């Protein structure tokens, strides 16, 4: 692919606290690492946000540089005290729990339209590394840190000397002393400093463990990502992403240990904001905690979940509400109607592409898609100027919407009855009905209602609005002239 006509991508770098032009280390090998889940339970709705955000970035990078030139790695943490506790509580083996929950995660994320990470467009399995497959690399990295004086063994543990890295705190923007005052730090007698964090810890007979120079044990959380990123992406790579709750301590610690090991690590750091539900922080105590699977089983389509997520810029808090869900479904029905005759030869709109290239401004991209859809739906049936429909579909697919597959598209089929996405007719009839309520003249409303019923459309009117339902196999051309 030629490099002269590539669109300029700008991304907000948490490390520098400003939006910067994105320049990959190697355009033929653009590399991104995103922190993945700890696999001990179903992914809650907040877990889906970084997956969807970085899936859009992955799609943008693949569009600009070519899928064969993009590597996207997202790990699974399958050794963790939460997993151990779940195994003890349930009586099930750790391997059974992690295998099952990893499968759940992949299934649920596919349902919201996320592509699987890949290495240069291939090798999905290696692009989703399990921590337990890289214990050797972690041990080697810890040995190197000890040799260089940045870590020390103590009572079966190995700890990282935070004060040995002078730039510690640069990512999160606070000093080490300020962190100690109110930080989430574990006070232990074997620590030289309260801020020192665990690289390796001992395991008893009931806990997973591996042989090491410091005895049988298991890695700390932070060393996992540093070791796997180095193994799969090299000394330096382009982008590291995750939720902003990981900025400190996880990402701060990743940087410190990787830099002290002599690695360049990530050039750009991206963090998405957190998710709320109906204006409140999601929590089990408030009764507003739910998983992606909960929504899917309640009949909320994965595509609708994705649309709601992308309607808010990734660096702003996202509020999941029932109103947004309903509006998203209505919009997607319109869009699927607009893209009904789309082929596969379209090109993304320059305005949509420009919005995404401007720090993943998905909310602006969706606004542009609204305009294009309205333009298409305002035209006569079958009329398409300069491939507008094809380009609209290509633009939506760049956001992972309107995908033509069973996982994302099957929601428009309800019990064998095909919804033909009659939103334009619903909207027009709703406007006429509202006017008739004022004038008390329902003649035009009754005429259109009768005409719709005559061609087989079921018409429902209530205080909530107008709902039209088409029978299976309905020919939309029968609606020409109804309005």
Protein backbone atom coordinates (compact mmCIF):
# COMPACT_ATOMS: atom_id res chain seq x y z
CA UNK A 1 0.00 0.00 0.00
CA UNK A 2 1.33 3.45 -0.90
CA UNK A 3 2.31 5.64 2.06
CA UNK A 4 1.77 8.96 0.30
CA UNK A 5 -2.03 9.07 0.51
CA UNK A 6 -2.53 7.69 3.99
CA UNK A 7 -4.97 9.62 6.14
CA UNK A 8 -3.36 11.38 9.11
CA UNK A 9 -4.37 9.80 12.42
CA UNK A 10 -4.20 11.85 15.62
CA UNK A 11 -4.48 10.18 19.04
CA UNK A 12 -4.59 11.52 22.60
CA UNK A 13 -1.50 10.21 24.37
CA UNK A 14 -2.05 9.80 28.12
CA UNK A 15 1.73 9.94 28.60
CA UNK A 16 2.06 13.44 27.11
CA UNK A 17 -1.49 14.62 27.90
CA UNK A 18 -2.09 15.92 24.41
CA UNK A 19 -3.37 14.87 21.04
CA UNK A 20 -0.52 13.93 18.72
CA UNK A 21 -0.04 12.78 15.12
CA UNK A 22 0.30 9.01 15.11
CA UNK A 23 3.50 7.88 13.42
CA UNK A 24 4.11 4.12 13.63
CA UNK A 25 7.60 2.82 14.23
CA UNK A 26 7.21 0.71 11.09
CA UNK A 27 4.28 1.22 8.69
CA UNK A 28 4.67 -2.37 7.57
CA UNK A 29 4.26 -3.63 11.14
CA UNK A 30 1.95 -1.41 13.22
CA UNK A 31 1.72 -2.93 16.72
CA UNK A 32 -0.84 -2.49 19.50
CA UNK A 33 -1.22 -4.16 22.91
CA UNK A 34 -4.41 -3.93 24.97
CA UNK A 35 -4.87 -5.33 28.47
CA UNK A 36 -7.42 -8.12 28.42
CA UNK A 37 -9.62 -9.74 31.07
CA UNK A 38 -8.89 -11.83 34.14
CA UNK A 39 -10.92 -14.92 33.30
CA UNK A 40 -12.92 -16.03 36.31
CA UNK A 41 -16.48 -14.87 35.46
CA UNK A 42 -18.70 -13.35 32.78
CA UNK A 43 -17.63 -10.00 31.30
CA UNK A 44 -19.78 -7.18 32.69
CA UNK A 45 -21.00 -4.39 30.44
CA UNK A 46 -18.11 -2.13 31.47
CA UNK A 47 -15.60 -4.75 30.30
CA UNK A 48 -17.04 -4.44 26.81
CA UNK A 49 -16.15 -0.77 26.44
CA UNK A 50 -12.37 -1.10 25.96
CA UNK A 51 -12.91 -4.12 23.71
CA UNK A 52 -15.22 -2.10 21.43
CA UNK A 53 -13.08 1.06 21.55
CA UNK A 54 -9.86 -0.70 20.59
CA UNK A 55 -11.67 -2.85 18.05
CA UNK A 56 -12.57 0.37 16.22
CA UNK A 57 -8.93 1.50 16.42
CA UNK A 58 -7.84 -1.88 15.09
CA UNK A 59 -10.29 -1.53 12.18
CA UNK A 60 -9.04 2.00 11.46
CA UNK A 61 -5.39 0.90 11.48
CA UNK A 62 -6.21 -2.05 9.20
CA UNK A 63 -8.04 0.28 6.82
CA UNK A 64 -5.17 2.77 6.68
CA UNK A 65 -2.16 0.44 6.72
CA UNK A 66 -3.63 -2.87 5.52
CA UNK A 67 -4.68 -5.82 7.69
CA UNK A 68 -1.46 -7.66 6.87
CA UNK A 69 0.54 -4.79 8.40
CA UNK A 70 -1.27 -4.54 11.75
CA UNK A 71 -0.68 -6.65 14.86
CA UNK A 72 -3.18 -6.36 17.70
CA UNK A 73 -2.45 -8.35 20.88
CA UNK A 74 -4.89 -8.67 23.79
CA UNK A 75 -3.97 -10.97 26.67
CA UNK A 76 -5.88 -13.25 29.02
CA UNK A 77 -4.83 -13.26 32.69
CA UNK A 78 -5.39 -16.88 33.66
CA UNK A 79 -3.34 -16.93 36.87
CA UNK A 80 -4.74 -14.69 39.59
CA UNK A 81 -5.94 -14.83 43.19
CA UNK A 82 -9.53 -14.17 42.06
CA UNK A 83 -9.38 -17.30 39.93
CA UNK A 84 -7.91 -19.26 42.84
CA UNK A 85 -10.70 -18.06 45.12
CA UNK A 86 -13.37 -18.99 42.57
CA UNK A 87 -11.89 -22.49 42.27
CA UNK A 88 -11.84 -22.95 46.05
CA UNK A 89 -15.40 -21.68 46.33
CA UNK A 90 -16.82 -23.80 43.52
CA UNK A 91 -14.73 -26.93 43.95
CA UNK A 92 -13.87 -26.82 40.23
CA UNK A 93 -10.38 -26.92 38.80
CA UNK A 94 -8.67 -23.69 37.82
CA UNK A 95 -8.13 -24.94 34.27
CA UNK A 96 -11.84 -25.68 33.86
CA UNK A 97 -12.81 -22.23 35.12
CA UNK A 98 -10.33 -20.34 32.93
CA UNK A 99 -11.15 -22.39 29.82
CA UNK A 100 -14.88 -21.85 30.29
CA UNK A 101 -14.69 -18.14 31.06
CA UNK A 102 -12.25 -17.50 28.21
CA UNK A 103 -14.78 -19.10 25.86
CA UNK A 104 -17.56 -16.99 27.36
CA UNK A 105 -15.54 -13.81 26.85
CA UNK A 106 -14.79 -14.55 23.20
CA UNK A 107 -18.41 -15.47 22.53
CA UNK A 108 -19.79 -12.32 24.17
CA UNK A 109 -17.29 -10.02 22.49
CA UNK A 110 -18.08 -11.56 19.10
CA UNK A 111 -21.73 -10.78 19.81
CA UNK A 112 -20.88 -7.06 20.12
CA UNK A 113 -18.99 -7.19 16.83
CA UNK A 114 -15.37 -7.29 18.02
CA UNK A 115 -12.87 -8.82 15.62
CA UNK A 116 -10.47 -11.26 17.23
CA UNK A 117 -6.98 -9.80 17.73
CA UNK A 118 -4.48 -11.00 15.16
CA UNK A 119 -0.84 -10.89 14.18
CA UNK A 120 -0.64 -9.20 10.79
CA UNK A 121 -4.21 -10.20 10.08
CA UNK A 122 -3.59 -13.86 10.96
CA UNK A 123 -2.68 -16.11 13.90
CA UNK A 124 -5.52 -15.16 16.24
CA UNK A 125 -4.51 -17.70 18.88
CA UNK A 126 -1.02 -16.27 19.39
CA UNK A 127 -2.46 -12.73 19.43
CA UNK A 128 -4.52 -13.67 22.51
CA UNK A 129 -1.79 -14.97 24.84
CA UNK A 130 -2.56 -16.71 28.13
CA UNK A 131 -0.31 -15.61 30.97
CA UNK A 132 0.40 -19.20 32.01
CA UNK A 133 2.03 -19.87 28.62
CA UNK A 134 4.68 -17.15 29.26
CA UNK A 135 5.90 -17.95 32.78
CA UNK A 136 9.42 -18.63 31.45
CA UNK A 137 9.62 -15.17 29.88
CA UNK A 138 8.41 -13.58 33.13
CA UNK A 139 11.01 -15.42 35.22
CA UNK A 140 13.76 -14.34 32.79
CA UNK A 141 12.63 -10.72 32.94
CA UNK A 142 12.55 -10.78 36.76
CA UNK A 143 16.08 -12.26 36.87
CA UNK A 144 17.28 -9.44 34.61
CA UNK A 145 15.67 -6.80 36.85
CA UNK A 146 17.37 -8.30 39.93
CA UNK A 147 20.73 -8.37 38.17
CA UNK A 148 20.36 -4.69 37.23
CA UNK A 149 19.45 -3.72 40.81
CA UNK A 150 15.82 -2.81 40.08
CA UNK A 151 14.33 -5.76 41.98
CA UNK A 152 15.17 -7.83 45.06
CA UNK A 153 14.12 -11.22 46.50
CA UNK A 154 12.62 -11.32 49.99
CA UNK A 155 10.98 -14.22 51.82
CA UNK A 156 10.03 -16.10 48.68
CA UNK A 157 8.84 -12.91 46.98
CA UNK A 158 10.54 -10.72 44.42
CA UNK A 159 9.74 -7.01 44.56
CA UNK A 160 10.41 -4.13 42.19
CA UNK A 161 12.30 -1.14 43.62
CA UNK A 162 10.01 1.69 42.57
CA UNK A 163 12.46 4.43 43.56
CA UNK A 164 15.07 2.91 41.24
CA UNK A 165 13.04 4.26 38.32
CA UNK A 166 13.22 8.07 38.45
CA UNK A 167 10.27 8.62 36.09
CA UNK A 168 7.81 6.54 38.11
CA UNK A 169 4.47 8.38 38.23
CA UNK A 170 4.89 10.21 34.91
CA UNK A 171 1.97 8.38 33.28
CA UNK A 172 -0.52 9.00 36.09
CA UNK A 173 0.89 12.43 36.91
CA UNK A 174 1.73 12.09 40.59
CA UNK A 175 4.80 11.74 42.75
CA UNK A 176 5.78 8.59 44.63
CA UNK A 177 5.35 10.32 48.00
CA UNK A 178 1.83 11.50 47.07
CA UNK A 179 0.98 7.96 46.01
CA UNK A 180 2.09 6.52 49.36
CA UNK A 181 -0.18 8.97 51.22
CA UNK A 182 -3.38 7.59 49.72
CA UNK A 183 -2.43 4.82 47.35
CA UNK A 184 -3.50 1.23 47.04
CA UNK A 185 -0.26 -0.21 48.40
CA UNK A 186 0.28 -3.39 50.34
CA UNK A 187 2.29 -2.86 53.52
CA UNK A 188 4.50 -5.88 54.18
CA UNK A 189 7.52 -6.31 56.47
CA UNK A 190 9.68 -7.69 53.68
CA UNK A 191 9.33 -4.54 51.53
CA UNK A 192 12.18 -2.03 51.40
CA UNK A 193 9.68 0.70 50.51
CA UNK A 194 5.85 0.80 50.79
CA UNK A 195 5.54 1.50 47.05
CA UNK A 196 7.56 -1.54 45.94
CA UNK A 197 5.32 -4.01 44.12
CA UNK A 198 5.36 -7.77 43.71
CA UNK A 199 6.91 -9.40 40.66
CA UNK A 200 6.83 -12.96 42.06
CA UNK A 201 5.11 -14.49 45.09
CA UNK A 202 5.24 -17.90 46.76
CA UNK A 203 2.57 -20.56 46.22
CA UNK A 204 1.40 -23.18 48.69
CA UNK A 205 0.41 -26.72 47.68
CA UNK A 206 -3.20 -25.68 46.97
CA UNK A 207 -2.22 -22.75 44.73
CA UNK A 208 -0.90 -22.83 41.16
CA UNK A 209 2.86 -22.48 41.09
CA UNK A 210 5.96 -22.86 38.96
CA UNK A 211 9.58 -23.55 39.87
CA UNK A 212 11.81 -20.48 39.95
CA UNK A 213 15.16 -19.36 41.44
CA UNK A 214 13.13 -17.97 44.40
CA UNK A 215 11.14 -21.14 45.04
CA UNK A 216 7.81 -22.44 43.83
CA UNK A 217 5.53 -19.52 43.13
CA UNK A 218 3.56 -17.50 40.61
CA UNK A 219 3.94 -14.12 38.92
CA UNK A 220 2.50 -10.84 40.10
CA UNK A 221 -0.09 -9.24 37.85
CA UNK A 222 2.00 -6.44 36.36
CA UNK A 223 4.92 -8.50 35.06
CA UNK A 224 2.59 -10.55 32.82
CA UNK A 225 1.83 -7.80 30.31
CA UNK A 226 5.42 -6.55 30.16
CA UNK A 227 6.75 -10.03 29.39
CA UNK A 228 4.05 -10.91 26.85
CA UNK A 229 4.23 -7.56 25.08
CA UNK A 230 8.00 -7.86 24.76
CA UNK A 231 7.79 -11.43 23.48
CA UNK A 232 5.08 -10.73 20.88
CA UNK A 233 5.71 -7.09 19.90
CA UNK A 234 9.42 -6.57 20.50
CA UNK A 235 11.56 -4.02 22.36
CA UNK A 236 9.28 -1.12 21.37
CA UNK A 237 5.81 -0.94 19.90
CA UNK A 238 3.30 1.70 18.90
CA UNK A 239 0.20 1.69 21.12
CA UNK A 240 -0.76 0.36 24.54
CA UNK A 241 -4.40 0.65 25.58
CA UNK A 242 -6.88 -0.13 28.31
CA UNK A 243 -9.41 1.36 30.69
CA UNK A 244 -8.32 4.42 32.66
CA UNK A 245 -8.68 2.42 35.89
CA UNK A 246 -5.48 0.65 34.79
CA UNK A 247 -3.39 3.82 34.51
CA UNK A 248 -2.27 3.37 38.10
CA UNK A 249 -0.93 1.07 39.32
CA UNK A 250 -0.98 -1.44 36.47
CA UNK A 251 0.28 0.61 33.53
CA UNK A 252 2.58 2.72 35.70
CA UNK A 253 4.21 -0.50 36.92
CA UNK A 254 4.40 -1.98 33.43
CA UNK A 255 6.34 1.06 32.23
CA UNK A 256 8.73 1.01 35.19
CA UNK A 257 9.69 -2.66 34.96
CA UNK A 258 9.89 -2.66 31.15
CA UNK A 259 12.01 0.49 30.98
CA UNK A 260 14.33 -0.79 33.71
CA UNK A 261 14.69 -4.04 31.77
CA UNK A 262 15.99 -1.94 28.88
CA UNK A 263 12.89 -2.05 26.69
CA UNK A 264 11.53 0.95 24.83
CA UNK A 265 7.97 -0.29 25.44
CA UNK A 266 4.94 1.67 24.14
CA UNK A 267 5.10 5.05 22.41
CA UNK A 268 1.40 5.97 22.71
CA UNK A 269 -0.89 5.26 25.69
CA UNK A 270 -4.65 5.32 25.18
CA UNK A 271 -7.21 5.01 27.98
CA UNK A 272 -10.97 4.87 27.78
CA UNK A 273 -13.22 6.35 30.49
CA UNK A 274 -15.50 4.26 32.68
CA UNK A 275 -19.14 3.30 32.26
CA UNK A 276 -22.18 4.21 34.34
CA UNK A 277 -25.74 2.88 34.32
CA UNK A 278 -28.61 5.40 34.38
CA UNK A 279 -26.23 8.05 35.74
CA UNK A 280 -24.83 5.94 38.60
CA UNK A 281 -21.69 3.92 39.07
CA UNK A 282 -22.37 0.29 38.27
CA UNK A 283 -22.36 -1.88 41.39
CA UNK A 284 -24.04 -5.00 42.69
CA UNK A 285 -25.21 -3.15 45.80
CA UNK A 286 -27.21 -0.70 43.65
CA UNK A 287 -28.72 -3.52 41.63
CA UNK A 288 -27.48 -2.00 38.35
CA UNK A 289 -24.67 -4.48 37.70
CA UNK A 290 -25.14 -6.69 34.66
CA UNK A 291 -23.08 -8.64 32.20
CA UNK A 292 -23.00 -8.55 28.42
CA UNK A 293 -24.65 -11.97 28.48
CA UNK A 294 -27.46 -10.62 30.69
CA UNK A 295 -28.28 -8.02 28.03
CA UNK A 296 -28.07 -10.51 25.18
CA UNK A 297 -30.39 -12.92 26.96
CA UNK A 298 -32.83 -10.08 27.62
CA UNK A 299 -33.05 -9.59 23.86
CA UNK A 300 -30.73 -6.60 23.52
CA UNK A 301 -28.83 -7.17 20.26
CA UNK A 302 -25.04 -7.02 20.34
CA UNK A 303 -25.09 -4.45 17.57
CA UNK A 304 -27.27 -2.20 19.73
CA UNK A 305 -24.84 -2.56 22.66
CA UNK A 306 -22.01 -1.59 20.34
CA UNK A 307 -23.89 1.43 18.95
CA UNK A 308 -24.65 2.78 22.43
CA UNK A 309 -20.99 2.42 23.41
CA UNK A 310 -19.76 4.23 20.31
CA UNK A 311 -22.25 7.08 20.68
CA UNK A 312 -20.00 8.58 23.39
CA UNK A 313 -16.37 9.55 22.79
CA UNK A 314 -14.07 7.01 24.40
CA UNK A 315 -12.42 9.60 26.67
CA UNK A 316 -15.75 10.66 28.18
CA UNK A 317 -17.74 8.72 30.79
CA UNK A 318 -20.34 6.53 29.07
CA UNK A 319 -23.83 6.30 30.55
CA UNK A 320 -25.84 3.21 29.61
CA UNK A 321 -29.55 4.03 29.73
CA UNK A 322 -32.71 2.34 28.54
CA UNK A 323 -33.52 5.43 26.47
CA UNK A 324 -30.20 5.18 24.63
CA UNK A 325 -30.79 1.48 24.00
CA UNK A 326 -34.21 2.14 22.46
CA UNK A 327 -32.89 5.01 20.33
CA UNK A 328 -29.96 2.89 19.14
CA UNK A 329 -32.26 0.10 18.00
CA UNK A 330 -34.50 2.53 16.14
CA UNK A 331 -31.51 4.15 14.44
CA UNK A 332 -30.01 0.81 13.41
CA UNK A 333 -33.31 -0.26 11.87
CA UNK A 334 -33.24 2.91 9.78
CA UNK A 335 -29.64 2.33 8.83
CA UNK A 336 -30.23 -1.27 7.84
CA UNK A 337 -33.08 -0.03 5.69
CA UNK A 338 -30.80 2.55 4.08
CA UNK A 339 -28.14 -0.13 3.43
CA UNK A 340 -30.65 -2.72 2.25
CA UNK A 341 -29.38 -2.74 -1.34
CA UNK A 342 -25.70 -2.20 -0.54
CA UNK A 343 -22.97 -4.08 -2.33
CA UNK A 344 -19.44 -4.80 -1.17
CA UNK A 345 -17.64 -2.24 -3.33
CA UNK A 346 -18.19 0.89 -1.26
CA UNK A 347 -15.56 3.15 0.28
CA UNK A 348 -15.90 4.81 3.67
CA UNK A 349 -17.05 8.42 3.63
CA UNK A 350 -14.20 10.90 3.97
CA UNK A 351 -16.08 12.65 6.79
CA UNK A 352 -16.59 9.42 8.72
CA UNK A 353 -12.98 8.43 8.18
CA UNK A 354 -11.79 11.89 9.23
CA UNK A 355 -13.85 11.70 12.43
CA UNK A 356 -12.34 8.34 13.38
CA UNK A 357 -8.84 9.54 12.51
CA UNK A 358 -9.34 12.45 14.92
CA UNK A 359 -8.75 10.53 18.16
CA UNK A 360 -11.46 7.96 17.44
CA UNK A 361 -14.32 10.45 17.45
CA UNK A 362 -16.99 7.78 17.05
CA UNK A 363 -19.78 10.11 18.18
CA UNK A 364 -18.99 12.49 15.30
CA UNK A 365 -18.69 9.56 12.90
CA UNK A 366 -22.18 8.41 13.94
CA UNK A 367 -23.52 11.94 13.36
CA UNK A 368 -22.11 11.84 9.83
CA UNK A 369 -23.71 8.43 9.26
CA UNK A 370 -27.07 9.84 10.38
CA UNK A 371 -26.81 12.49 7.65
CA UNK A 372 -25.92 9.99 4.95
CA UNK A 373 -28.71 7.61 5.97
CA UNK A 374 -31.25 10.45 5.92
CA UNK A 375 -30.10 11.43 2.44
CA UNK A 376 -30.50 7.85 1.19
CA UNK A 377 -33.92 7.34 2.80
CA UNK A 378 -35.24 10.64 1.42
CA UNK A 379 -34.69 9.45 -2.15
CA UNK A 380 -37.10 7.40 -4.23
CA UNK A 381 -36.86 3.61 -3.98
CA UNK A 382 -34.01 2.29 -6.10
CA UNK A 383 -32.39 5.69 -6.61
CA UNK A 384 -28.69 5.82 -5.74
CA UNK A 385 -26.31 8.53 -6.77
CA UNK A 386 -22.62 7.66 -7.18
CA UNK A 387 -22.79 4.54 -5.03
CA UNK A 388 -23.97 6.40 -1.93
CA UNK A 389 -25.58 3.27 -0.46
CA UNK A 390 -22.44 1.17 -0.91
CA UNK A 391 -20.31 3.91 0.65
CA UNK A 392 -22.73 4.27 3.56
CA UNK A 393 -22.52 0.55 4.31
CA UNK A 394 -18.71 0.63 4.07
CA UNK A 395 -18.62 3.62 6.44
CA UNK A 396 -20.79 1.84 9.00
CA UNK A 397 -18.70 -1.33 8.75
CA UNK A 398 -15.61 0.69 9.63
CA UNK A 399 -17.27 1.17 13.02
CA UNK A 400 -18.22 -2.51 13.15
CA UNK A 401 -21.89 -1.77 12.42
CA UNK A 402 -24.22 -3.20 9.76
CA UNK A 403 -22.00 -6.24 9.46
CA UNK A 404 -23.57 -8.85 7.19
CA UNK A 405 -23.30 -11.86 9.48
CA UNK A 406 -25.54 -13.97 11.67
CA UNK A 407 -24.06 -12.71 14.94
CA UNK A 408 -24.59 -9.01 14.33
CA UNK A 409 -27.43 -8.93 11.81
CA UNK A 410 -29.82 -11.65 12.95
CA UNK A 411 -31.57 -9.37 15.46
CA UNK A 412 -33.65 -7.79 12.70
CA UNK A 413 -35.42 -11.13 12.32
CA UNK A 414 -37.98 -11.71 15.04
CA UNK A 415 -39.64 -15.10 15.30
CA UNK A 416 -39.39 -15.69 11.58
CA UNK A 417 -41.05 -12.35 10.79
CA UNK A 418 -38.69 -10.04 8.99
CA UNK A 419 -38.57 -6.44 10.14
CA UNK A 420 -38.06 -4.45 6.97
CA UNK A 421 -36.89 -1.46 8.97
CA UNK A 422 -39.93 0.70 8.33
CA UNK A 423 -38.68 3.59 10.48
CA UNK A 424 -39.16 6.30 7.78
CA UNK A 425 -42.83 5.36 7.45
CA UNK A 426 -43.19 5.09 11.22
CA UNK A 427 -41.69 8.56 11.69
CA UNK A 428 -43.89 10.13 9.01
CA UNK A 429 -47.05 8.56 10.36
CA UNK A 430 -46.13 9.63 13.90
CA UNK A 431 -45.72 13.26 12.75
CA UNK A 432 -49.06 13.21 10.91
CA UNK A 433 -50.75 11.66 13.93
CA UNK A 434 -49.36 14.35 16.24
CA UNK A 435 -50.64 17.05 13.88
CA UNK A 436 -54.03 15.35 13.72
CA UNK A 437 -54.24 15.34 17.50
CA UNK A 438 -54.01 19.15 17.33
CA UNK A 439 -56.35 19.73 14.37
CA UNK A 440 -58.73 16.85 15.15
CA UNK A 441 -58.56 15.95 11.46
CA UNK A 442 -57.48 12.29 11.16
CA UNK A 443 -58.38 11.83 7.49
CA UNK A 444 -54.78 11.61 6.22
CA UNK A 445 -53.70 9.39 9.11
CA UNK A 446 -56.60 7.02 8.45
CA UNK A 447 -55.83 6.97 4.71
CA UNK A 448 -52.19 6.01 5.23
CA UNK A 449 -53.04 3.49 7.93
CA UNK A 450 -55.57 1.82 5.62
CA UNK A 451 -53.09 1.79 2.73
CA UNK A 452 -50.43 0.15 4.91
CA UNK A 453 -52.84 -2.48 6.16
CA UNK A 454 -53.95 -3.13 2.58
CA UNK A 455 -50.41 -4.12 1.56
CA UNK A 456 -49.95 -6.37 4.59
CA UNK A 457 -48.33 -4.08 7.17
CA UNK A 458 -49.44 -4.40 10.79
CA UNK A 459 -50.01 -0.92 12.28
CA UNK A 460 -49.89 -0.25 16.01
CA UNK A 461 -50.49 3.23 17.46
CA UNK A 462 -50.18 4.15 21.13
CA UNK A 463 -49.00 6.95 23.39
CA UNK A 464 -45.49 5.56 22.89
CA UNK A 465 -45.61 6.15 19.14
CA UNK A 466 -46.17 4.22 15.93
CA UNK A 467 -44.95 0.68 15.31
CA UNK A 468 -45.11 -0.97 11.88
CA UNK A 469 -44.39 -4.65 11.32
CA UNK A 470 -43.96 -6.32 7.94
CA UNK A 471 -44.67 -9.99 7.22
CA UNK A 472 -41.95 -12.38 6.08
CA UNK A 473 -41.06 -12.02 2.42
CA UNK A 474 -42.62 -8.56 2.15
CA UNK A 475 -41.60 -6.57 -0.94
CA UNK A 476 -40.73 -3.05 0.13
CA UNK A 477 -41.60 -1.80 -3.36
CA UNK A 478 -45.28 -2.26 -2.39
CA UNK A 479 -44.91 0.82 -0.19
CA UNK A 480 -44.19 3.17 -3.08
CA UNK A 481 -46.88 5.82 -3.22
CA UNK A 482 -48.28 5.08 0.25
CA UNK A 483 -46.94 8.37 1.66
